[in-house]
Amino acid sequence: MDTQSEQKLANLIRNTRVAALGTLHDGEPNLAMVAIAVESDFSAFYIHVSTLGKHTRDMQADPRVSLLITETDDHRPDPQTLARLSLNGTAGMLPRTDPHYPQVKHAYLTRFPEAEQLFSLGDFNLWRISPKGGRFVAGFAQAFNVMPEVLVKVSAL
């Protein structure tokens, strides 16, 4: 991946606040929109979701998930040129007793201050999504395989 594409990937991850979360629901694909926060080195993505959500029950049953992060549609003539990152990974609930929990909660609330009240509700939990790999499309004819070490590398840009 060239430097310009790496920078585009880093900007996409840093500046996009929502993603599509793909789970398996009774063996069928299921999508949900989720607000995301990201580890500073891009090694993990965090969501804060309710146990009442179908996607949460799906993650409890099968931790394999996908995330799709896309550039905002600017109504360009060819929307297929919008940058997007599709990641496969595993999800796990971050226990409130985890030593990393306060740091993740702070990062999430820095990005989404209005979510403060949700942290007082017992059915909402932070989930860590650890990427295993994926595909980054920077634009037309600019597609790259992305592994966790690539995410860590571009986080420094």
N, C-alpha and C. Protein backbone atom coordinates (compact mmCIF):
# COMPACT_ATOMS: atom_id res chain seq x y z
N MET A 1 0.85 -1.16 0.00
CA MET A 1 0.00 0.00 0.00
C MET A 1 0.90 1.24 0.00
N ASP A 2 0.59 2.20 -0.85
CA ASP A 2 1.38 3.42 -0.93
C ASP A 2 1.05 4.33 0.25
N THR A 3 1.91 5.31 0.47
CA THR A 3 1.78 6.22 1.62
C THR A 3 0.47 7.00 1.60
N GLN A 4 0.04 7.43 0.43
CA GLN A 4 -1.21 8.19 0.32
C GLN A 4 -2.41 7.32 0.74
N SER A 5 -2.41 6.07 0.32
CA SER A 5 -3.49 5.16 0.72
C SER A 5 -3.43 4.85 2.21
N GLU A 6 -2.24 4.69 2.75
CA GLU A 6 -2.10 4.46 4.18
C GLU A 6 -2.66 5.64 4.98
N GLN A 7 -2.37 6.85 4.53
CA GLN A 7 -2.89 8.04 5.21
C GLN A 7 -4.41 8.11 5.10
N LYS A 8 -4.93 7.75 3.95
CA LYS A 8 -6.38 7.73 3.75
C LYS A 8 -7.04 6.73 4.70
N LEU A 9 -6.42 5.56 4.86
CA LEU A 9 -6.93 4.55 5.78
C LEU A 9 -6.91 5.06 7.22
N ALA A 10 -5.81 5.66 7.62
CA ALA A 10 -5.70 6.20 8.98
C ALA A 10 -6.77 7.27 9.23
N ASN A 11 -6.97 8.15 8.27
CA ASN A 11 -7.98 9.20 8.41
C ASN A 11 -9.38 8.62 8.47
N LEU A 12 -9.65 7.61 7.65
CA LEU A 12 -10.97 6.98 7.66
C LEU A 12 -11.26 6.39 9.03
N ILE A 13 -10.30 5.68 9.60
CA ILE A 13 -10.51 5.06 10.92
C ILE A 13 -10.68 6.13 12.00
N ARG A 14 -9.85 7.15 11.97
CA ARG A 14 -9.91 8.18 13.02
C ARG A 14 -11.17 9.04 12.94
N ASN A 15 -11.66 9.30 11.73
CA ASN A 15 -12.73 10.28 11.56
C ASN A 15 -14.12 9.70 11.39
N THR A 16 -14.24 8.39 11.30
CA THR A 16 -15.56 7.78 11.13
C THR A 16 -16.05 7.29 12.48
N ARG A 17 -17.26 7.71 12.83
CA ARG A 17 -17.79 7.39 14.15
C ARG A 17 -18.80 6.25 14.15
N VAL A 18 -19.29 5.86 12.99
CA VAL A 18 -20.27 4.78 12.94
C VAL A 18 -19.81 3.72 11.95
N ALA A 19 -20.26 2.51 12.19
CA ALA A 19 -19.92 1.39 11.32
C ALA A 19 -21.11 0.45 11.24
N ALA A 20 -21.08 -0.38 10.22
CA ALA A 20 -22.03 -1.49 10.15
C ALA A 20 -21.37 -2.68 10.83
N LEU A 21 -22.08 -3.29 11.75
CA LEU A 21 -21.60 -4.47 12.47
C LEU A 21 -22.32 -5.68 11.91
N GLY A 22 -21.56 -6.63 11.41
CA GLY A 22 -22.13 -7.86 10.90
C GLY A 22 -21.97 -8.98 11.90
N THR A 23 -23.07 -9.66 12.20
CA THR A 23 -23.07 -10.81 13.09
C THR A 23 -23.81 -11.96 12.41
N LEU A 24 -23.77 -13.10 13.05
CA LEU A 24 -24.56 -14.24 12.59
C LEU A 24 -25.74 -14.41 13.54
N HIS A 25 -26.94 -14.41 12.97
CA HIS A 25 -28.15 -14.56 13.77
C HIS A 25 -28.90 -15.80 13.29
N ASP A 26 -28.89 -16.83 14.11
CA ASP A 26 -29.49 -18.10 13.72
C ASP A 26 -28.96 -18.58 12.37
N GLY A 27 -27.64 -18.41 12.17
CA GLY A 27 -27.00 -18.87 10.95
C GLY A 27 -27.17 -17.96 9.75
N GLU A 28 -27.85 -16.86 9.93
CA GLU A 28 -28.08 -15.90 8.84
C GLU A 28 -27.33 -14.60 9.13
N PRO A 29 -26.89 -13.89 8.07
CA PRO A 29 -26.22 -12.61 8.28
C PRO A 29 -27.17 -11.58 8.92
N ASN A 30 -26.63 -10.76 9.78
CA ASN A 30 -27.39 -9.69 10.43
C ASN A 30 -26.50 -8.45 10.48
N LEU A 31 -27.07 -7.30 10.18
CA LEU A 31 -26.33 -6.04 10.23
C LEU A 31 -26.97 -5.08 11.22
N ALA A 32 -26.14 -4.31 11.88
CA ALA A 32 -26.60 -3.27 12.79
C ALA A 32 -25.65 -2.08 12.67
N MET A 33 -26.18 -0.89 12.87
CA MET A 33 -25.32 0.28 12.91
C MET A 33 -24.84 0.46 14.35
N VAL A 34 -23.54 0.70 14.52
CA VAL A 34 -22.98 0.90 15.85
C VAL A 34 -22.04 2.10 15.84
N ALA A 35 -21.97 2.75 16.98
CA ALA A 35 -20.98 3.82 17.18
C ALA A 35 -19.68 3.14 17.59
N ILE A 36 -18.57 3.59 17.02
CA ILE A 36 -17.28 2.94 17.30
C ILE A 36 -16.26 3.92 17.86
N ALA A 37 -15.48 3.41 18.78
CA ALA A 37 -14.27 4.08 19.25
C ALA A 37 -13.13 3.14 18.89
N VAL A 38 -11.93 3.67 18.82
CA VAL A 38 -10.82 2.84 18.35
C VAL A 38 -9.61 3.02 19.27
N GLU A 39 -8.89 1.92 19.47
CA GLU A 39 -7.64 1.97 20.21
C GLU A 39 -6.67 2.87 19.44
N SER A 40 -5.82 3.60 20.14
CA SER A 40 -4.92 4.56 19.47
C SER A 40 -4.01 3.90 18.44
N ASP A 41 -3.69 2.61 18.65
CA ASP A 41 -2.84 1.92 17.67
C ASP A 41 -3.66 1.07 16.69
N PHE A 42 -4.97 1.29 16.65
CA PHE A 42 -5.91 0.61 15.74
C PHE A 42 -5.93 -0.90 15.95
N SER A 43 -5.49 -1.37 17.09
CA SER A 43 -5.47 -2.82 17.35
C SER A 43 -6.82 -3.34 17.81
N ALA A 44 -7.74 -2.45 18.15
CA ALA A 44 -9.06 -2.86 18.61
C ALA A 44 -10.06 -1.74 18.34
N PHE A 45 -11.30 -2.16 18.14
CA PHE A 45 -12.41 -1.24 17.97
C PHE A 45 -13.39 -1.54 19.10
N TYR A 46 -14.06 -0.51 19.61
CA TYR A 46 -14.95 -0.68 20.75
C TYR A 46 -16.34 -0.19 20.41
N ILE A 47 -17.32 -0.98 20.85
CA ILE A 47 -18.72 -0.59 20.72
C ILE A 47 -19.35 -0.69 22.11
N HIS A 48 -20.40 0.06 22.32
CA HIS A 48 -21.11 0.07 23.60
C HIS A 48 -22.56 -0.25 23.27
N VAL A 49 -22.96 -1.48 23.58
CA VAL A 49 -24.27 -1.95 23.12
C VAL A 49 -25.06 -2.60 24.25
N SER A 50 -26.37 -2.63 24.07
CA SER A 50 -27.28 -3.20 25.05
C SER A 50 -27.43 -4.70 24.85
N THR A 51 -27.60 -5.40 25.96
CA THR A 51 -27.86 -6.84 25.87
C THR A 51 -29.23 -7.12 25.25
N LEU A 52 -30.05 -6.10 25.14
CA LEU A 52 -31.36 -6.27 24.51
C LEU A 52 -31.25 -6.33 22.98
N GLY A 53 -30.12 -5.88 22.44
CA GLY A 53 -29.94 -5.87 20.99
C GLY A 53 -29.69 -7.26 20.44
N LYS A 54 -30.30 -7.53 19.30
CA LYS A 54 -30.11 -8.82 18.63
C LYS A 54 -28.63 -9.06 18.34
N HIS A 55 -27.92 -8.00 17.92
CA HIS A 55 -26.50 -8.14 17.59
C HIS A 55 -25.67 -8.53 18.83
N THR A 56 -26.07 -8.07 20.01
CA THR A 56 -25.35 -8.43 21.23
C THR A 56 -25.54 -9.92 21.54
N ARG A 57 -26.75 -10.37 21.45
CA ARG A 57 -27.02 -11.80 21.66
C ARG A 57 -26.26 -12.64 20.63
N ASP A 58 -26.18 -12.12 19.40
CA ASP A 58 -25.43 -12.82 18.36
C ASP A 58 -23.96 -12.96 18.74
N MET A 59 -23.36 -11.86 19.25
CA MET A 59 -21.94 -11.89 19.63
C MET A 59 -21.71 -12.82 20.81
N GLN A 60 -22.69 -12.90 21.71
CA GLN A 60 -22.56 -13.82 22.84
C GLN A 60 -22.57 -15.27 22.36
N ALA A 61 -23.34 -15.55 21.31
CA ALA A 61 -23.45 -16.91 20.79
C ALA A 61 -22.28 -17.27 19.87
N ASP A 62 -21.77 -16.28 19.13
CA ASP A 62 -20.69 -16.52 18.16
C ASP A 62 -19.89 -15.23 18.04
N PRO A 63 -18.65 -15.22 18.52
CA PRO A 63 -17.88 -13.97 18.56
C PRO A 63 -17.36 -13.48 17.20
N ARG A 64 -17.57 -14.24 16.15
CA ARG A 64 -17.10 -13.80 14.83
C ARG A 64 -17.99 -12.67 14.32
N VAL A 65 -17.34 -11.56 13.97
CA VAL A 65 -18.06 -10.37 13.51
C VAL A 65 -17.33 -9.74 12.33
N SER A 66 -18.02 -8.82 11.69
CA SER A 66 -17.42 -7.97 10.67
C SER A 66 -17.78 -6.53 10.98
N LEU A 67 -16.90 -5.62 10.59
CA LEU A 67 -17.18 -4.19 10.66
C LEU A 67 -16.98 -3.61 9.27
N LEU A 68 -17.87 -2.71 8.89
CA LEU A 68 -17.72 -1.97 7.64
C LEU A 68 -17.72 -0.49 7.99
N ILE A 69 -16.60 0.16 7.69
CA ILE A 69 -16.42 1.58 7.96
C ILE A 69 -16.30 2.26 6.60
N THR A 70 -17.15 3.25 6.35
CA THR A 70 -17.15 3.89 5.03
C THR A 70 -17.02 5.40 5.12
N GLU A 71 -16.43 5.93 4.08
CA GLU A 71 -16.37 7.37 3.91
C GLU A 71 -17.80 7.88 3.73
N THR A 72 -18.09 9.07 4.20
CA THR A 72 -19.42 9.66 4.07
C THR A 72 -19.74 9.92 2.60
N ASP A 73 -20.96 9.55 2.23
CA ASP A 73 -21.42 9.78 0.85
C ASP A 73 -21.48 11.29 0.59
N ASP A 74 -20.71 11.74 -0.37
CA ASP A 74 -20.69 13.16 -0.73
C ASP A 74 -21.41 13.42 -2.06
N HIS A 75 -22.19 12.45 -2.50
CA HIS A 75 -22.99 12.54 -3.73
C HIS A 75 -22.15 12.67 -4.99
N ARG A 76 -20.95 12.12 -4.95
CA ARG A 76 -20.12 12.09 -6.15
C ARG A 76 -20.80 11.22 -7.20
N PRO A 77 -20.44 11.41 -8.46
CA PRO A 77 -21.10 10.63 -9.53
C PRO A 77 -20.94 9.11 -9.35
N ASP A 78 -19.81 8.64 -8.86
CA ASP A 78 -19.61 7.20 -8.69
C ASP A 78 -19.35 6.89 -7.22
N PRO A 79 -20.38 6.49 -6.48
CA PRO A 79 -20.20 6.21 -5.05
C PRO A 79 -19.27 5.02 -4.79
N GLN A 80 -18.99 4.20 -5.81
CA GLN A 80 -18.07 3.09 -5.63
C GLN A 80 -16.64 3.56 -5.39
N THR A 81 -16.38 4.84 -5.58
CA THR A 81 -15.04 5.37 -5.33
C THR A 81 -14.87 5.84 -3.88
N LEU A 82 -15.92 5.76 -3.09
CA LEU A 82 -15.81 6.12 -1.67
C LEU A 82 -14.88 5.13 -0.97
N ALA A 83 -14.03 5.64 -0.10
CA ALA A 83 -13.13 4.78 0.67
C ALA A 83 -13.93 3.97 1.67
N ARG A 84 -13.51 2.70 1.87
CA ARG A 84 -14.18 1.85 2.83
C ARG A 84 -13.24 0.76 3.33
N LEU A 85 -13.48 0.38 4.57
CA LEU A 85 -12.69 -0.66 5.22
C LEU A 85 -13.64 -1.73 5.73
N SER A 86 -13.42 -2.95 5.31
CA SER A 86 -14.19 -4.09 5.78
C SER A 86 -13.25 -4.97 6.59
N LEU A 87 -13.62 -5.22 7.84
CA LEU A 87 -12.77 -6.02 8.73
C LEU A 87 -13.53 -7.23 9.26
N ASN A 88 -12.84 -8.33 9.39
CA ASN A 88 -13.35 -9.51 10.10
C ASN A 88 -12.58 -9.60 11.41
N GLY A 89 -13.27 -10.03 12.44
CA GLY A 89 -12.59 -10.16 13.72
C GLY A 89 -13.42 -10.92 14.72
N THR A 90 -13.01 -10.82 15.96
CA THR A 90 -13.74 -11.46 17.05
C THR A 90 -14.12 -10.40 18.09
N ALA A 91 -15.28 -10.62 18.67
CA ALA A 91 -15.81 -9.68 19.65
C ALA A 91 -15.83 -10.34 21.02
N GLY A 92 -15.54 -9.55 22.02
CA GLY A 92 -15.64 -10.03 23.40
C GLY A 92 -16.04 -8.89 24.31
N MET A 93 -16.92 -9.18 25.25
CA MET A 93 -17.34 -8.15 26.18
C MET A 93 -16.16 -7.78 27.09
N LEU A 94 -15.99 -6.49 27.31
CA LEU A 94 -14.93 -5.99 28.19
C LEU A 94 -15.52 -5.86 29.60
N PRO A 95 -15.14 -6.72 30.52
CA PRO A 95 -15.71 -6.65 31.87
C PRO A 95 -15.40 -5.31 32.54
N ARG A 96 -16.31 -4.84 33.33
CA ARG A 96 -16.11 -3.57 34.05
C ARG A 96 -14.95 -3.66 35.02
N THR A 97 -14.56 -4.88 35.38
CA THR A 97 -13.44 -5.09 36.30
C THR A 97 -12.09 -5.14 35.57
N ASP A 98 -12.11 -5.13 34.24
CA ASP A 98 -10.87 -5.17 33.46
C ASP A 98 -10.07 -3.90 33.74
N PRO A 99 -8.77 -4.00 33.99
CA PRO A 99 -7.96 -2.81 34.28
C PRO A 99 -7.97 -1.78 33.14
N HIS A 100 -8.24 -2.23 31.92
CA HIS A 100 -8.27 -1.35 30.75
C HIS A 100 -9.62 -0.64 30.58
N TYR A 101 -10.64 -1.10 31.33
CA TYR A 101 -12.00 -0.59 31.18
C TYR A 101 -12.09 0.94 31.35
N PRO A 102 -11.53 1.52 32.42
CA PRO A 102 -11.65 2.99 32.57
C PRO A 102 -11.06 3.76 31.39
N GLN A 103 -9.96 3.30 30.84
CA GLN A 103 -9.34 3.97 29.70
C GLN A 103 -10.23 3.87 28.46
N VAL A 104 -10.81 2.71 28.22
CA VAL A 104 -11.69 2.52 27.07
C VAL A 104 -12.95 3.36 27.24
N LYS A 105 -13.51 3.33 28.43
CA LYS A 105 -14.71 4.13 28.70
C LYS A 105 -14.43 5.61 28.46
N HIS A 106 -13.29 6.08 28.92
CA HIS A 106 -12.91 7.49 28.71
C HIS A 106 -12.78 7.80 27.21
N ALA A 107 -12.13 6.93 26.48
CA ALA A 107 -11.97 7.14 25.03
C ALA A 107 -13.32 7.16 24.34
N TYR A 108 -14.20 6.26 24.75
CA TYR A 108 -15.54 6.19 24.14
C TYR A 108 -16.32 7.47 24.45
N LEU A 109 -16.27 7.91 25.71
CA LEU A 109 -17.02 9.11 26.10
C LEU A 109 -16.40 10.39 25.53
N THR A 110 -15.11 10.38 25.26
CA THR A 110 -14.50 11.52 24.59
C THR A 110 -15.08 11.67 23.19
N ARG A 111 -15.31 10.54 22.55
CA ARG A 111 -15.86 10.54 21.19
C ARG A 111 -17.38 10.73 21.19
N PHE A 112 -18.05 10.20 22.23
CA PHE A 112 -19.51 10.24 22.32
C PHE A 112 -19.94 10.69 23.72
N PRO A 113 -19.76 11.96 24.05
CA PRO A 113 -20.08 12.41 25.42
C PRO A 113 -21.55 12.19 25.81
N GLU A 114 -22.44 12.20 24.83
CA GLU A 114 -23.86 12.01 25.11
C GLU A 114 -24.17 10.58 25.58
N ALA A 115 -23.23 9.68 25.46
CA ALA A 115 -23.43 8.28 25.88
C ALA A 115 -23.21 8.08 27.38
N GLU A 116 -22.84 9.11 28.09
CA GLU A 116 -22.55 9.00 29.53
C GLU A 116 -23.68 8.31 30.28
N GLN A 117 -24.92 8.70 30.01
CA GLN A 117 -26.05 8.12 30.74
C GLN A 117 -26.21 6.62 30.47
N LEU A 118 -25.79 6.16 29.30
CA LEU A 118 -25.91 4.74 28.98
C LEU A 118 -24.99 3.88 29.83
N PHE A 119 -23.89 4.46 30.30
CA PHE A 119 -22.96 3.70 31.15
C PHE A 119 -23.54 3.40 32.53
N SER A 120 -24.59 4.12 32.90
CA SER A 120 -25.23 3.85 34.20
C SER A 120 -26.30 2.77 34.09
N LEU A 121 -26.63 2.37 32.86
CA LEU A 121 -27.63 1.33 32.67
C LEU A 121 -26.96 -0.04 32.68
N GLY A 122 -27.50 -0.95 33.44
CA GLY A 122 -26.88 -2.25 33.62
C GLY A 122 -26.85 -3.13 32.39
N ASP A 123 -27.70 -2.84 31.40
CA ASP A 123 -27.74 -3.72 30.23
C ASP A 123 -26.79 -3.28 29.11
N PHE A 124 -26.07 -2.18 29.29
CA PHE A 124 -25.11 -1.73 28.28
C PHE A 124 -23.70 -2.14 28.68
N ASN A 125 -22.96 -2.65 27.71
CA ASN A 125 -21.60 -3.08 27.96
C ASN A 125 -20.68 -2.66 26.81
N LEU A 126 -19.43 -2.48 27.15
CA LEU A 126 -18.41 -2.26 26.13
C LEU A 126 -17.97 -3.60 25.57
N TRP A 127 -17.80 -3.64 24.27
CA TRP A 127 -17.30 -4.82 23.58
C TRP A 127 -16.06 -4.44 22.79
N ARG A 128 -15.07 -5.30 22.86
CA ARG A 128 -13.83 -5.12 22.11
C ARG A 128 -13.90 -5.99 20.86
N ILE A 129 -13.64 -5.38 19.71
CA ILE A 129 -13.56 -6.13 18.47
C ILE A 129 -12.10 -6.14 18.05
N SER A 130 -11.54 -7.33 18.01
CA SER A 130 -10.14 -7.51 17.62
C SER A 130 -10.09 -7.92 16.16
N PRO A 131 -9.54 -7.05 15.29
CA PRO A 131 -9.52 -7.39 13.87
C PRO A 131 -8.55 -8.52 13.55
N LYS A 132 -8.96 -9.37 12.64
CA LYS A 132 -8.12 -10.47 12.16
C LYS A 132 -7.58 -10.16 10.76
N GLY A 133 -8.33 -9.38 10.00
CA GLY A 133 -7.93 -9.03 8.64
C GLY A 133 -9.10 -8.42 7.91
N GLY A 134 -8.82 -7.94 6.71
CA GLY A 134 -9.90 -7.35 5.94
C GLY A 134 -9.41 -6.75 4.64
N ARG A 135 -10.21 -5.83 4.14
CA ARG A 135 -9.94 -5.24 2.83
C ARG A 135 -10.23 -3.75 2.91
N PHE A 136 -9.27 -2.95 2.41
CA PHE A 136 -9.43 -1.50 2.34
C PHE A 136 -9.50 -1.10 0.87
N VAL A 137 -10.57 -0.40 0.53
CA VAL A 137 -10.71 0.15 -0.81
C VAL A 137 -10.53 1.65 -0.69
N ALA A 138 -9.44 2.16 -1.25
CA ALA A 138 -9.12 3.59 -1.16
C ALA A 138 -9.81 4.39 -2.26
N GLY A 139 -10.26 3.71 -3.29
CA GLY A 139 -10.91 4.34 -4.43
C GLY A 139 -10.90 3.36 -5.59
N PHE A 140 -11.23 3.86 -6.77
CA PHE A 140 -11.30 3.00 -7.95
C PHE A 140 -9.95 2.33 -8.21
N ALA A 141 -9.97 1.01 -8.34
CA ALA A 141 -8.77 0.19 -8.62
C ALA A 141 -7.68 0.36 -7.57
N GLN A 142 -8.06 0.64 -6.33
CA GLN A 142 -7.12 0.81 -5.23
C GLN A 142 -7.60 -0.01 -4.04
N ALA A 143 -7.44 -1.32 -4.13
CA ALA A 143 -7.90 -2.22 -3.07
C ALA A 143 -6.70 -2.94 -2.46
N PHE A 144 -6.72 -3.06 -1.13
CA PHE A 144 -5.59 -3.62 -0.41
C PHE A 144 -6.07 -4.57 0.68
N ASN A 145 -5.36 -5.68 0.83
CA ASN A 145 -5.61 -6.54 1.98
C ASN A 145 -5.04 -5.86 3.21
N VAL A 146 -5.74 -5.99 4.31
CA VAL A 146 -5.32 -5.33 5.55
C VAL A 146 -5.25 -6.38 6.65
N MET A 147 -4.10 -6.48 7.27
CA MET A 147 -3.89 -7.36 8.41
C MET A 147 -3.70 -6.49 9.66
N PRO A 148 -3.81 -7.06 10.85
CA PRO A 148 -3.66 -6.25 12.07
C PRO A 148 -2.37 -5.43 12.10
N GLU A 149 -1.25 -5.99 11.61
CA GLU A 149 0.00 -5.24 11.65
C GLU A 149 -0.04 -4.01 10.73
N VAL A 150 -0.83 -4.05 9.67
CA VAL A 150 -0.99 -2.90 8.79
C VAL A 150 -1.75 -1.79 9.52
N LEU A 151 -2.79 -2.19 10.27
CA LEU A 151 -3.55 -1.21 11.05
C LEU A 151 -2.65 -0.51 12.07
N VAL A 152 -1.83 -1.29 12.76
CA VAL A 152 -0.91 -0.70 13.74
C VAL A 152 0.06 0.24 13.05
N LYS A 153 0.57 -0.16 11.90
CA LYS A 153 1.52 0.68 11.15
C LYS A 153 0.89 2.02 10.76
N VAL A 154 -0.32 1.99 10.19
CA VAL A 154 -0.91 3.25 9.73
C VAL A 154 -1.41 4.11 10.88
N SER A 155 -1.58 3.54 12.06
CA SER A 155 -2.02 4.35 13.21
C SER A 155 -1.00 5.40 13.59
N ALA A 156 0.25 5.19 13.19
CA ALA A 156 1.32 6.15 13.51
C ALA A 156 1.34 7.33 12.56
N LEU A 157 0.56 7.28 11.48
CA LEU A 157 0.57 8.37 10.50
C LEU A 157 -0.27 9.54 10.95
